[in-house]
Amino acid sequence: MKPDNKHMISSNFTESDFLGAIQDEHKMALRETLLNVHYKETQESKYVISIMSWKVQSIAASIAIFLLVGASFLFNMNDSMTSEELFGQYYTTENSILNVRSDNTAEYSPVNDGLKYFDQQNYDKALYAFELAPENVVAKLYAGFSYMELKQYDQAIIKFKDIIDQKDNLFIDQAEWNLGLCYVATNNTNQAKQLLTKITNSNTIYNIRAQQLLEDMGNN
């Protein structure tokens, strides 16, 4: 079989040898073809880069719009927040103030028992124990917290008011703040604003949060 000359060119065959083996017009045609191919590839490459650049710019623009819309939403969100949403934003579950050791019967008391159940989030049992010590201010406070966890805000209001009326005790600040939250949860807006304004003007750890809550309530 006659060998195919097209495939007989060695890899060591230089460009000058190759060009010298063909006629001048063939040289010019080959160069023109190569230039056309190079130009076409360059233009396609520019097109791809242009498309990619457009996509990147579009993504960047979309992100910018998303951030602007998100910021606008966050800025206006509080105007449409319900009382329940406001309450949920500011209410935090209290931890018990005592370290209860359930295996130490010598330290048993209804209050300790109630705090143990409160830490276990068994609020019904906690309330039963707290009611066994009706005059204890800690029992009243955590009974109020237990009622809040159970969303029985009217009962919690009674407990917190009782603490406030008792006056000289360490838990008035907590009672006032959580009473304000109960007013928010039950749509007692005027009472909530009056109490929160009082807290804002007092020297307690809740004054800044009270101010923020008042601002979030807005015209509600």
N, C-alpha and C. Protein backbone atom coordinates (compact mmCIF):
# COMPACT_ATOMS: atom_id res chain seq x y z
N MET A 1 0.85 -1.19 0.00
CA MET A 1 0.00 0.00 0.00
C MET A 1 0.88 1.24 0.00
N LYS A 2 0.48 2.22 -0.80
CA LYS A 2 1.27 3.45 -0.89
C LYS A 2 1.08 4.27 0.37
N PRO A 3 2.16 4.68 0.96
CA PRO A 3 2.04 5.41 2.22
C PRO A 3 1.36 6.76 2.01
N ASP A 4 0.65 7.18 3.04
CA ASP A 4 -0.04 8.48 3.04
C ASP A 4 0.96 9.55 3.42
N ASN A 5 1.33 10.40 2.43
CA ASN A 5 2.36 11.41 2.66
C ASN A 5 1.95 12.45 3.69
N LYS A 6 0.63 12.60 3.85
CA LYS A 6 0.17 13.62 4.81
C LYS A 6 0.59 13.28 6.22
N HIS A 7 0.77 11.99 6.48
CA HIS A 7 1.09 11.55 7.84
C HIS A 7 2.55 11.14 7.99
N MET A 8 3.38 11.50 7.00
CA MET A 8 4.78 11.12 7.04
C MET A 8 5.66 12.22 7.61
N ILE A 9 5.07 13.39 7.96
CA ILE A 9 5.86 14.51 8.46
C ILE A 9 6.29 14.22 9.88
N SER A 10 7.58 14.26 10.10
CA SER A 10 8.12 13.97 11.42
C SER A 10 7.82 15.12 12.36
N SER A 11 7.74 14.81 13.65
CA SER A 11 7.53 15.84 14.65
C SER A 11 8.74 16.76 14.75
N ASN A 12 9.89 16.33 14.20
CA ASN A 12 11.09 17.14 14.20
C ASN A 12 11.19 18.04 12.97
N PHE A 13 10.22 17.92 12.10
CA PHE A 13 10.22 18.71 10.85
C PHE A 13 9.87 20.14 11.20
N THR A 14 10.81 21.10 10.91
CA THR A 14 10.64 22.49 11.33
C THR A 14 9.69 23.23 10.41
N GLU A 15 9.21 24.39 10.90
CA GLU A 15 8.29 25.19 10.11
C GLU A 15 8.96 25.69 8.83
N SER A 16 10.27 26.06 8.91
CA SER A 16 10.98 26.56 7.73
C SER A 16 11.11 25.48 6.66
N ASP A 17 11.37 24.23 7.08
CA ASP A 17 11.44 23.12 6.15
C ASP A 17 10.11 22.90 5.47
N PHE A 18 9.05 23.01 6.27
CA PHE A 18 7.71 22.78 5.72
C PHE A 18 7.34 23.86 4.71
N LEU A 19 7.59 25.13 5.07
CA LEU A 19 7.25 26.22 4.17
C LEU A 19 8.11 26.22 2.91
N GLY A 20 9.33 25.75 3.06
CA GLY A 20 10.19 25.69 1.89
C GLY A 20 9.79 24.62 0.92
N ALA A 21 9.00 23.67 1.36
CA ALA A 21 8.61 22.54 0.52
C ALA A 21 7.36 22.82 -0.31
N ILE A 22 6.70 23.94 -0.12
CA ILE A 22 5.49 24.27 -0.87
C ILE A 22 5.71 25.56 -1.63
N GLN A 23 4.87 25.86 -2.59
CA GLN A 23 5.02 27.03 -3.42
C GLN A 23 4.68 28.29 -2.62
N ASP A 24 5.14 29.46 -3.16
CA ASP A 24 4.93 30.71 -2.46
C ASP A 24 3.46 31.03 -2.27
N GLU A 25 2.66 30.75 -3.33
CA GLU A 25 1.23 31.08 -3.17
C GLU A 25 0.58 30.21 -2.11
N HIS A 26 1.10 29.00 -1.98
CA HIS A 26 0.58 28.12 -0.94
C HIS A 26 0.97 28.64 0.44
N LYS A 27 2.16 29.25 0.51
CA LYS A 27 2.60 29.85 1.76
C LYS A 27 1.64 30.95 2.20
N MET A 28 1.33 31.83 1.25
CA MET A 28 0.46 32.94 1.57
C MET A 28 -0.95 32.47 1.95
N ALA A 29 -1.42 31.45 1.24
CA ALA A 29 -2.76 30.92 1.55
C ALA A 29 -2.78 30.31 2.95
N LEU A 30 -1.71 29.57 3.28
CA LEU A 30 -1.63 28.96 4.60
C LEU A 30 -1.59 30.01 5.69
N ARG A 31 -0.78 31.05 5.49
CA ARG A 31 -0.67 32.12 6.49
C ARG A 31 -2.00 32.84 6.67
N GLU A 32 -2.69 33.09 5.51
CA GLU A 32 -3.98 33.78 5.59
C GLU A 32 -4.99 32.93 6.35
N THR A 33 -4.96 31.63 6.09
CA THR A 33 -5.88 30.72 6.79
C THR A 33 -5.60 30.71 8.29
N LEU A 34 -4.31 30.65 8.62
CA LEU A 34 -3.94 30.64 10.03
C LEU A 34 -4.34 31.94 10.73
N LEU A 35 -4.17 33.05 10.01
CA LEU A 35 -4.55 34.35 10.58
C LEU A 35 -6.06 34.42 10.80
N ASN A 36 -6.82 33.89 9.81
CA ASN A 36 -8.28 33.89 9.94
C ASN A 36 -8.73 33.05 11.13
N VAL A 37 -8.10 31.89 11.28
CA VAL A 37 -8.44 31.01 12.41
C VAL A 37 -8.13 31.69 13.73
N HIS A 38 -6.96 32.32 13.80
CA HIS A 38 -6.55 33.02 15.02
C HIS A 38 -7.52 34.15 15.34
N TYR A 39 -7.91 34.91 14.30
CA TYR A 39 -8.85 36.02 14.51
C TYR A 39 -10.20 35.53 15.02
N LYS A 40 -10.68 34.42 14.42
CA LYS A 40 -11.97 33.86 14.83
C LYS A 40 -11.93 33.41 16.29
N GLU A 41 -10.85 32.70 16.67
CA GLU A 41 -10.72 32.23 18.05
C GLU A 41 -10.63 33.39 19.02
N THR A 42 -9.92 34.46 18.60
CA THR A 42 -9.80 35.64 19.47
C THR A 42 -11.14 36.29 19.70
N GLN A 43 -11.92 36.43 18.60
CA GLN A 43 -13.24 37.06 18.72
C GLN A 43 -14.17 36.22 19.58
N GLU A 44 -14.13 34.90 19.42
CA GLU A 44 -14.97 34.02 20.25
C GLU A 44 -14.57 34.12 21.71
N SER A 45 -13.26 34.21 21.96
CA SER A 45 -12.78 34.35 23.33
C SER A 45 -13.27 35.65 23.95
N LYS A 46 -13.23 36.74 23.15
CA LYS A 46 -13.73 38.02 23.64
C LYS A 46 -15.22 37.95 23.93
N TYR A 47 -15.93 37.21 23.07
CA TYR A 47 -17.38 37.07 23.26
C TYR A 47 -17.68 36.33 24.56
N VAL A 48 -16.94 35.25 24.81
CA VAL A 48 -17.14 34.49 26.05
C VAL A 48 -16.83 35.35 27.25
N ILE A 49 -15.70 36.10 27.17
CA ILE A 49 -15.34 36.99 28.28
C ILE A 49 -16.42 38.04 28.50
N SER A 50 -16.94 38.56 27.37
CA SER A 50 -18.00 39.57 27.47
C SER A 50 -19.23 39.00 28.13
N ILE A 51 -19.60 37.76 27.73
CA ILE A 51 -20.77 37.11 28.33
C ILE A 51 -20.54 36.87 29.82
N MET A 52 -19.35 36.38 30.18
CA MET A 52 -19.05 36.12 31.58
C MET A 52 -19.07 37.41 32.39
N SER A 53 -18.50 38.47 31.79
CA SER A 53 -18.51 39.77 32.47
C SER A 53 -19.93 40.25 32.70
N TRP A 54 -20.78 40.07 31.68
CA TRP A 54 -22.19 40.47 31.82
C TRP A 54 -22.88 39.68 32.92
N LYS A 55 -22.58 38.37 32.99
CA LYS A 55 -23.18 37.53 34.03
C LYS A 55 -22.74 37.97 35.41
N VAL A 56 -21.43 38.25 35.55
CA VAL A 56 -20.92 38.70 36.85
C VAL A 56 -21.56 40.00 37.26
N GLN A 57 -21.68 40.93 36.28
CA GLN A 57 -22.31 42.21 36.60
C GLN A 57 -23.77 42.03 36.98
N SER A 58 -24.46 41.10 36.29
CA SER A 58 -25.86 40.85 36.61
C SER A 58 -26.02 40.28 38.00
N ILE A 59 -25.13 39.33 38.34
CA ILE A 59 -25.18 38.74 39.69
C ILE A 59 -24.92 39.81 40.74
N ALA A 60 -23.90 40.65 40.49
CA ALA A 60 -23.58 41.71 41.44
C ALA A 60 -24.75 42.67 41.60
N ALA A 61 -25.40 43.00 40.47
CA ALA A 61 -26.56 43.89 40.54
C ALA A 61 -27.70 43.25 41.31
N SER A 62 -27.91 41.94 41.09
CA SER A 62 -28.98 41.23 41.80
C SER A 62 -28.72 41.23 43.30
N ILE A 63 -27.45 41.00 43.68
CA ILE A 63 -27.09 41.00 45.10
C ILE A 63 -27.34 42.37 45.70
N ALA A 64 -26.95 43.42 44.97
CA ALA A 64 -27.14 44.78 45.46
C ALA A 64 -28.62 45.08 45.67
N ILE A 65 -29.44 44.67 44.68
CA ILE A 65 -30.90 44.89 44.81
C ILE A 65 -31.44 44.11 45.99
N PHE A 66 -30.98 42.86 46.15
CA PHE A 66 -31.44 42.04 47.26
C PHE A 66 -31.12 42.68 48.60
N LEU A 67 -29.89 43.22 48.71
CA LEU A 67 -29.49 43.86 49.96
C LEU A 67 -30.30 45.11 50.23
N LEU A 68 -30.56 45.88 49.17
CA LEU A 68 -31.36 47.10 49.35
C LEU A 68 -32.78 46.77 49.77
N VAL A 69 -33.37 45.76 49.11
CA VAL A 69 -34.73 45.36 49.47
C VAL A 69 -34.76 44.80 50.87
N GLY A 70 -33.73 43.99 51.21
CA GLY A 70 -33.67 43.42 52.56
C GLY A 70 -33.55 44.48 53.62
N ALA A 71 -32.69 45.47 53.35
CA ALA A 71 -32.53 46.56 54.32
C ALA A 71 -33.83 47.34 54.48
N SER A 72 -34.51 47.56 53.36
CA SER A 72 -35.79 48.26 53.43
C SER A 72 -36.81 47.46 54.22
N PHE A 73 -36.79 46.12 53.99
CA PHE A 73 -37.72 45.27 54.73
C PHE A 73 -37.45 45.30 56.22
N LEU A 74 -36.16 45.21 56.60
CA LEU A 74 -35.82 45.25 58.02
C LEU A 74 -36.16 46.59 58.63
N PHE A 75 -35.97 47.66 57.86
CA PHE A 75 -36.25 49.00 58.36
C PHE A 75 -37.73 49.19 58.65
N ASN A 76 -38.58 48.56 57.79
CA ASN A 76 -40.01 48.74 57.93
C ASN A 76 -40.70 47.60 58.65
N MET A 77 -39.94 46.56 59.00
CA MET A 77 -40.54 45.37 59.55
C MET A 77 -41.30 45.64 60.83
N ASN A 78 -40.72 46.46 61.71
CA ASN A 78 -41.32 46.69 63.00
C ASN A 78 -42.67 47.40 62.90
N ASP A 79 -42.90 48.12 61.77
CA ASP A 79 -44.17 48.80 61.60
C ASP A 79 -45.32 47.82 61.49
N SER A 80 -45.03 46.60 61.02
CA SER A 80 -46.10 45.63 60.82
C SER A 80 -46.00 44.45 61.78
N MET A 81 -45.13 44.53 62.78
CA MET A 81 -44.98 43.42 63.71
C MET A 81 -46.19 43.34 64.63
N THR A 82 -46.64 42.13 64.85
CA THR A 82 -47.75 41.92 65.78
C THR A 82 -47.24 41.96 67.21
N SER A 83 -48.18 42.04 68.13
CA SER A 83 -47.80 42.03 69.55
C SER A 83 -47.09 40.73 69.91
N GLU A 84 -47.55 39.64 69.34
CA GLU A 84 -46.93 38.35 69.62
C GLU A 84 -45.50 38.31 69.11
N GLU A 85 -45.26 38.90 67.93
CA GLU A 85 -43.91 38.93 67.38
C GLU A 85 -42.99 39.83 68.21
N LEU A 86 -43.52 40.95 68.65
CA LEU A 86 -42.73 41.83 69.51
C LEU A 86 -42.36 41.13 70.81
N PHE A 87 -43.33 40.46 71.38
CA PHE A 87 -43.07 39.72 72.61
C PHE A 87 -41.97 38.67 72.38
N GLY A 88 -42.09 37.90 71.30
CA GLY A 88 -41.13 36.87 71.01
C GLY A 88 -39.73 37.41 70.77
N GLN A 89 -39.65 38.64 70.27
CA GLN A 89 -38.34 39.23 70.00
C GLN A 89 -37.62 39.62 71.29
N TYR A 90 -38.37 39.96 72.33
CA TYR A 90 -37.74 40.49 73.55
C TYR A 90 -37.79 39.52 74.73
N TYR A 91 -38.66 38.54 74.68
CA TYR A 91 -38.74 37.63 75.81
C TYR A 91 -37.63 36.59 75.73
N THR A 92 -36.97 36.37 76.85
CA THR A 92 -35.97 35.31 76.95
C THR A 92 -36.29 34.46 78.16
N THR A 93 -36.16 33.15 78.00
CA THR A 93 -36.44 32.24 79.10
C THR A 93 -35.45 32.45 80.22
N GLU A 94 -35.96 32.60 81.41
CA GLU A 94 -35.10 32.81 82.58
C GLU A 94 -34.50 31.49 83.04
N ASN A 95 -33.28 31.54 83.51
CA ASN A 95 -32.67 30.40 84.19
C ASN A 95 -32.94 30.54 85.69
N SER A 96 -33.06 29.40 86.35
CA SER A 96 -33.35 29.49 87.79
C SER A 96 -32.16 30.09 88.52
N ILE A 97 -32.45 30.84 89.58
CA ILE A 97 -31.40 31.56 90.30
C ILE A 97 -30.68 30.70 91.31
N LEU A 98 -31.19 29.50 91.52
CA LEU A 98 -30.57 28.61 92.50
C LEU A 98 -30.07 27.34 91.82
N ASN A 99 -29.00 26.80 92.32
CA ASN A 99 -28.50 25.52 91.84
C ASN A 99 -29.14 24.42 92.69
N VAL A 100 -30.13 23.76 92.12
CA VAL A 100 -30.92 22.79 92.89
C VAL A 100 -30.28 21.41 92.79
N ARG A 101 -30.06 20.80 93.94
CA ARG A 101 -29.53 19.44 93.99
C ARG A 101 -30.67 18.53 94.40
N SER A 102 -31.17 17.78 93.43
CA SER A 102 -32.37 16.97 93.67
C SER A 102 -32.11 15.81 94.63
N ASP A 103 -30.85 15.42 94.81
CA ASP A 103 -30.56 14.28 95.68
C ASP A 103 -30.31 14.71 97.12
N ASN A 104 -30.43 15.97 97.40
CA ASN A 104 -30.17 16.47 98.75
C ASN A 104 -31.50 16.79 99.42
N THR A 105 -32.08 15.80 100.10
CA THR A 105 -33.39 15.97 100.71
C THR A 105 -33.34 16.92 101.90
N ALA A 106 -32.15 17.13 102.48
CA ALA A 106 -32.05 18.02 103.63
C ALA A 106 -32.36 19.46 103.23
N GLU A 107 -32.14 19.78 101.94
CA GLU A 107 -32.39 21.14 101.47
C GLU A 107 -33.73 21.25 100.76
N TYR A 108 -34.59 20.26 100.93
CA TYR A 108 -35.86 20.28 100.22
C TYR A 108 -36.73 21.43 100.71
N SER A 109 -37.37 22.08 99.76
CA SER A 109 -38.42 23.05 100.04
C SER A 109 -39.28 23.13 98.80
N PRO A 110 -40.52 23.60 98.91
CA PRO A 110 -41.37 23.73 97.71
C PRO A 110 -40.73 24.61 96.64
N VAL A 111 -40.01 25.66 97.07
CA VAL A 111 -39.39 26.56 96.10
C VAL A 111 -38.29 25.84 95.33
N ASN A 112 -37.41 25.12 96.06
CA ASN A 112 -36.35 24.37 95.38
C ASN A 112 -36.93 23.32 94.44
N ASP A 113 -37.99 22.68 94.90
CA ASP A 113 -38.64 21.67 94.06
C ASP A 113 -39.20 22.32 92.80
N GLY A 114 -39.83 23.50 92.97
CA GLY A 114 -40.38 24.21 91.82
C GLY A 114 -39.31 24.64 90.84
N LEU A 115 -38.17 25.11 91.37
CA LEU A 115 -37.07 25.52 90.50
C LEU A 115 -36.49 24.34 89.73
N LYS A 116 -36.46 23.19 90.39
CA LYS A 116 -35.98 21.99 89.69
C LYS A 116 -36.88 21.66 88.51
N TYR A 117 -38.19 21.70 88.75
CA TYR A 117 -39.12 21.44 87.65
C TYR A 117 -39.05 22.52 86.57
N PHE A 118 -38.83 23.76 87.00
CA PHE A 118 -38.72 24.86 86.04
C PHE A 118 -37.53 24.63 85.12
N ASP A 119 -36.39 24.24 85.69
CA ASP A 119 -35.21 23.96 84.88
C ASP A 119 -35.46 22.80 83.91
N GLN A 120 -36.32 21.89 84.29
CA GLN A 120 -36.67 20.75 83.43
C GLN A 120 -37.76 21.11 82.42
N GLN A 121 -38.20 22.36 82.46
CA GLN A 121 -39.27 22.87 81.59
C GLN A 121 -40.60 22.16 81.83
N ASN A 122 -40.75 21.65 83.04
CA ASN A 122 -42.02 21.05 83.44
C ASN A 122 -42.79 22.11 84.24
N TYR A 123 -43.41 23.03 83.53
CA TYR A 123 -43.95 24.23 84.15
C TYR A 123 -45.21 23.97 84.97
N ASP A 124 -45.98 22.98 84.61
CA ASP A 124 -47.18 22.67 85.41
C ASP A 124 -46.78 22.17 86.80
N LYS A 125 -45.80 21.26 86.86
CA LYS A 125 -45.34 20.78 88.16
C LYS A 125 -44.65 21.89 88.94
N ALA A 126 -43.92 22.75 88.22
CA ALA A 126 -43.26 23.88 88.88
C ALA A 126 -44.30 24.77 89.55
N LEU A 127 -45.37 25.07 88.84
CA LEU A 127 -46.43 25.92 89.41
C LEU A 127 -47.06 25.29 90.64
N TYR A 128 -47.28 23.99 90.59
CA TYR A 128 -47.86 23.30 91.74
C TYR A 128 -46.96 23.47 92.97
N ALA A 129 -45.65 23.33 92.75
CA ALA A 129 -44.71 23.47 93.88
C ALA A 129 -44.67 24.91 94.37
N PHE A 130 -44.64 25.88 93.46
CA PHE A 130 -44.57 27.29 93.86
C PHE A 130 -45.81 27.71 94.65
N GLU A 131 -46.93 27.15 94.31
CA GLU A 131 -48.17 27.51 95.02
C GLU A 131 -48.17 27.01 96.47
N LEU A 132 -47.25 26.10 96.79
CA LEU A 132 -47.11 25.63 98.16
C LEU A 132 -46.34 26.63 99.02
N ALA A 133 -45.78 27.65 98.39
CA ALA A 133 -45.07 28.71 99.13
C ALA A 133 -45.59 30.06 98.63
N PRO A 134 -46.84 30.38 98.89
CA PRO A 134 -47.50 31.54 98.28
C PRO A 134 -46.90 32.89 98.67
N GLU A 135 -46.22 32.97 99.80
CA GLU A 135 -45.67 34.26 100.25
C GLU A 135 -44.21 34.44 99.87
N ASN A 136 -43.60 33.42 99.29
CA ASN A 136 -42.18 33.48 98.93
C ASN A 136 -42.03 34.27 97.63
N VAL A 137 -41.18 35.30 97.64
CA VAL A 137 -41.06 36.17 96.49
C VAL A 137 -40.42 35.45 95.30
N VAL A 138 -39.49 34.53 95.57
CA VAL A 138 -38.88 33.75 94.49
C VAL A 138 -39.93 32.84 93.85
N ALA A 139 -40.78 32.25 94.67
CA ALA A 139 -41.85 31.40 94.15
C ALA A 139 -42.80 32.22 93.29
N LYS A 140 -43.11 33.44 93.70
CA LYS A 140 -44.00 34.30 92.90
C LYS A 140 -43.36 34.65 91.56
N LEU A 141 -42.05 34.99 91.61
CA LEU A 141 -41.36 35.38 90.38
C LEU A 141 -41.35 34.24 89.37
N TYR A 142 -40.97 33.04 89.85
CA TYR A 142 -40.86 31.92 88.92
C TYR A 142 -42.21 31.32 88.57
N ALA A 143 -43.18 31.56 89.39
CA ALA A 143 -44.54 31.21 88.99
C ALA A 143 -44.96 32.10 87.81
N GLY A 144 -44.59 33.39 87.90
CA GLY A 144 -44.86 34.29 86.79
C GLY A 144 -44.16 33.84 85.51
N PHE A 145 -42.89 33.45 85.61
CA PHE A 145 -42.16 32.95 84.45
C PHE A 145 -42.81 31.68 83.90
N SER A 146 -43.26 30.81 84.79
CA SER A 146 -43.89 29.56 84.35
C SER A 146 -45.17 29.86 83.58
N TYR A 147 -45.95 30.80 84.07
CA TYR A 147 -47.17 31.17 83.36
C TYR A 147 -46.85 31.78 81.99
N MET A 148 -45.78 32.54 81.92
CA MET A 148 -45.38 33.09 80.61
C MET A 148 -45.01 31.99 79.64
N GLU A 149 -44.28 30.99 80.13
CA GLU A 149 -43.90 29.88 79.27
C GLU A 149 -45.14 29.12 78.77
N LEU A 150 -46.16 29.10 79.58
CA LEU A 150 -47.41 28.43 79.20
C LEU A 150 -48.36 29.36 78.45
N LYS A 151 -47.90 30.59 78.21
CA LYS A 151 -48.69 31.62 77.51
C LYS A 151 -49.97 31.99 78.27
N GLN A 152 -49.93 31.83 79.57
CA GLN A 152 -51.04 32.25 80.43
C GLN A 152 -50.67 33.62 81.04
N TYR A 153 -50.71 34.62 80.18
CA TYR A 153 -50.15 35.92 80.54
C TYR A 153 -50.94 36.63 81.63
N ASP A 154 -52.25 36.44 81.66
CA ASP A 154 -53.06 37.10 82.69
C ASP A 154 -52.67 36.62 84.08
N GLN A 155 -52.38 35.33 84.21
CA GLN A 155 -51.94 34.78 85.50
C GLN A 155 -50.54 35.30 85.84
N ALA A 156 -49.68 35.42 84.84
CA ALA A 156 -48.34 35.95 85.08
C ALA A 156 -48.41 37.40 85.55
N ILE A 157 -49.32 38.17 84.97
CA ILE A 157 -49.48 39.57 85.36
C ILE A 157 -49.81 39.68 86.85
N ILE A 158 -50.66 38.80 87.32
CA ILE A 158 -51.04 38.82 88.75
C ILE A 158 -49.80 38.61 89.62
N LYS A 159 -48.97 37.64 89.25
CA LYS A 159 -47.77 37.34 90.04
C LYS A 159 -46.79 38.51 90.05
N PHE A 160 -46.56 39.10 88.89
CA PHE A 160 -45.59 40.20 88.81
C PHE A 160 -46.09 41.45 89.54
N LYS A 161 -47.37 41.71 89.44
CA LYS A 161 -47.94 42.85 90.18
C LYS A 161 -47.81 42.65 91.68
N ASP A 162 -48.00 41.41 92.11
CA ASP A 162 -47.89 41.10 93.54
C ASP A 162 -46.47 41.38 94.04
N ILE A 163 -45.47 41.05 93.24
CA ILE A 163 -44.07 41.32 93.61
C ILE A 163 -43.82 42.82 93.69
N ILE A 164 -44.32 43.55 92.70
CA ILE A 164 -44.13 45.01 92.67
C ILE A 164 -44.81 45.67 93.86
N ASP A 165 -46.01 45.21 94.16
CA ASP A 165 -46.75 45.78 95.30
C ASP A 165 -46.08 45.47 96.62
N GLN A 166 -45.34 44.39 96.67
CA GLN A 166 -44.62 44.01 97.89
C GLN A 166 -43.46 44.97 98.16
N LYS A 167 -43.07 45.73 97.15
CA LYS A 167 -42.07 46.79 97.20
C LYS A 167 -40.68 46.28 97.58
N ASP A 168 -40.26 46.37 98.78
CA ASP A 168 -38.85 46.21 99.14
C ASP A 168 -38.38 44.77 98.93
N ASN A 169 -37.98 44.45 97.68
CA ASN A 169 -37.40 43.14 97.40
C ASN A 169 -36.46 43.26 96.21
N LEU A 170 -35.70 42.20 95.96
CA LEU A 170 -34.65 42.25 94.95
C LEU A 170 -35.15 42.02 93.53
N PHE A 171 -36.42 41.71 93.36
CA PHE A 171 -36.90 41.25 92.07
C PHE A 171 -37.89 42.19 91.40
N ILE A 172 -38.00 43.41 91.90
CA ILE A 172 -38.95 44.35 91.33
C ILE A 172 -38.59 44.67 89.88
N ASP A 173 -37.31 44.86 89.60
CA ASP A 173 -36.90 45.19 88.23
C ASP A 173 -37.30 44.09 87.25
N GLN A 174 -37.04 42.84 87.63
CA GLN A 174 -37.42 41.72 86.78
C GLN A 174 -38.94 41.66 86.62
N ALA A 175 -39.63 41.89 87.71
CA ALA A 175 -41.09 41.81 87.68
C ALA A 175 -41.67 42.90 86.76
N GLU A 176 -41.13 44.11 86.85
CA GLU A 176 -41.64 45.20 86.01
C GLU A 176 -41.38 44.93 84.53
N TRP A 177 -40.18 44.50 84.19
CA TRP A 177 -39.85 44.23 82.80
C TRP A 177 -40.75 43.14 82.21
N ASN A 178 -40.89 42.05 82.95
CA ASN A 178 -41.71 40.95 82.45
C ASN A 178 -43.20 41.28 82.47
N LEU A 179 -43.60 42.13 83.39
CA LEU A 179 -44.99 42.62 83.38
C LEU A 179 -45.23 43.42 82.10
N GLY A 180 -44.26 44.27 81.74
CA GLY A 180 -44.38 45.02 80.49
C GLY A 180 -44.50 44.10 79.28
N LEU A 181 -43.71 43.02 79.26
CA LEU A 181 -43.80 42.06 78.16
C LEU A 181 -45.17 41.37 78.13
N CYS A 182 -45.71 41.08 79.31
CA CYS A 182 -47.05 40.47 79.36
C CYS A 182 -48.10 41.43 78.82
N TYR A 183 -47.94 42.72 79.11
CA TYR A 183 -48.86 43.72 78.55
C TYR A 183 -48.76 43.74 77.02
N VAL A 184 -47.54 43.63 76.51
CA VAL A 184 -47.35 43.59 75.06
C VAL A 184 -48.04 42.37 74.47
N ALA A 185 -47.83 41.21 75.11
CA ALA A 185 -48.39 39.95 74.60
C ALA A 185 -49.90 39.95 74.60
N THR A 186 -50.50 40.69 75.54
CA THR A 186 -51.96 40.71 75.65
C THR A 186 -52.59 41.94 75.02
N ASN A 187 -51.79 42.68 74.22
CA ASN A 187 -52.28 43.86 73.51
C ASN A 187 -52.75 44.99 74.43
N ASN A 188 -52.24 45.01 75.65
CA ASN A 188 -52.49 46.15 76.54
C ASN A 188 -51.44 47.22 76.24
N THR A 189 -51.59 47.85 75.08
CA THR A 189 -50.54 48.73 74.56
C THR A 189 -50.28 49.93 75.45
N ASN A 190 -51.34 50.59 75.89
CA ASN A 190 -51.15 51.79 76.71
C ASN A 190 -50.44 51.47 78.02
N GLN A 191 -50.87 50.39 78.67
CA GLN A 191 -50.23 50.00 79.92
C GLN A 191 -48.77 49.61 79.69
N ALA A 192 -48.53 48.92 78.57
CA ALA A 192 -47.17 48.51 78.25
C ALA A 192 -46.28 49.74 78.06
N LYS A 193 -46.76 50.73 77.31
CA LYS A 193 -45.95 51.92 77.04
C LYS A 193 -45.70 52.72 78.31
N GLN A 194 -46.70 52.82 79.17
CA GLN A 194 -46.51 53.56 80.43
C GLN A 194 -45.44 52.89 81.29
N LEU A 195 -45.53 51.57 81.41
CA LEU A 195 -44.57 50.86 82.25
C LEU A 195 -43.17 50.88 81.62
N LEU A 196 -43.09 50.69 80.32
CA LEU A 196 -41.79 50.70 79.65
C LEU A 196 -41.13 52.07 79.73
N THR A 197 -41.94 53.13 79.66
CA THR A 197 -41.39 54.48 79.82
C THR A 197 -40.82 54.66 81.22
N LYS A 198 -41.52 54.13 82.20
CA LYS A 198 -41.02 54.18 83.59
C LYS A 198 -39.69 53.44 83.71
N ILE A 199 -39.60 52.27 83.09
CA ILE A 199 -38.36 51.49 83.15
C ILE A 199 -37.23 52.23 82.44
N THR A 200 -37.55 52.86 81.31
CA THR A 200 -36.55 53.62 80.56
C THR A 200 -35.93 54.73 81.40
N ASN A 201 -36.73 55.34 82.23
CA ASN A 201 -36.27 56.46 83.06
C ASN A 201 -35.67 56.02 84.39
N SER A 202 -35.59 54.72 84.60
CA SER A 202 -35.03 54.21 85.86
C SER A 202 -33.63 53.69 85.64
N ASN A 203 -32.94 53.44 86.71
CA ASN A 203 -31.56 52.97 86.65
C ASN A 203 -31.53 51.46 86.84
N THR A 204 -31.99 50.73 85.82
CA THR A 204 -32.00 49.27 85.90
C THR A 204 -31.32 48.70 84.66
N ILE A 205 -31.07 47.42 84.70
CA ILE A 205 -30.44 46.77 83.55
C ILE A 205 -31.39 46.64 82.37
N TYR A 206 -32.67 46.94 82.59
CA TYR A 206 -33.67 46.79 81.54
C TYR A 206 -33.98 48.10 80.83
N ASN A 207 -33.36 49.21 81.22
CA ASN A 207 -33.78 50.50 80.66
C ASN A 207 -33.49 50.62 79.17
N ILE A 208 -32.36 50.09 78.70
CA ILE A 208 -32.04 50.17 77.27
C ILE A 208 -32.98 49.29 76.46
N ARG A 209 -33.23 48.08 76.96
CA ARG A 209 -34.15 47.19 76.25
C ARG A 209 -35.56 47.77 76.22
N ALA A 210 -35.95 48.43 77.30
CA ALA A 210 -37.27 49.05 77.34
C ALA A 210 -37.38 50.15 76.29
N GLN A 211 -36.31 50.94 76.14
CA GLN A 211 -36.30 52.00 75.13
C GLN A 211 -36.40 51.41 73.73
N GLN A 212 -35.66 50.33 73.48
CA GLN A 212 -35.71 49.69 72.17
C GLN A 212 -37.10 49.12 71.88
N LEU A 213 -37.69 48.52 72.88
CA LEU A 213 -39.03 47.96 72.69
C LEU A 213 -40.05 49.06 72.42
N LEU A 214 -39.94 50.17 73.12
CA LEU A 214 -40.84 51.31 72.87
C LEU A 214 -40.69 51.79 71.42
N GLU A 215 -39.46 51.87 70.94
CA GLU A 215 -39.23 52.32 69.56
C GLU A 215 -39.81 51.31 68.57
N ASP A 216 -39.66 50.03 68.87
CA ASP A 216 -40.20 49.00 67.98
C ASP A 216 -41.73 48.99 67.99
N MET A 217 -42.31 49.35 69.11
CA MET A 217 -43.77 49.39 69.17
C MET A 217 -44.32 50.52 68.30
N GLY A 218 -43.56 51.61 68.18
CA GLY A 218 -43.95 52.70 67.29
C GLY A 218 -45.33 53.22 67.57
N ASN A 219 -46.15 53.18 66.52
CA ASN A 219 -47.51 53.70 66.62
C ASN A 219 -48.53 52.60 66.92
N ASN A 220 -48.05 51.44 67.33
CA ASN A 220 -48.97 50.32 67.63
C ASN A 220 -49.94 50.70 68.75
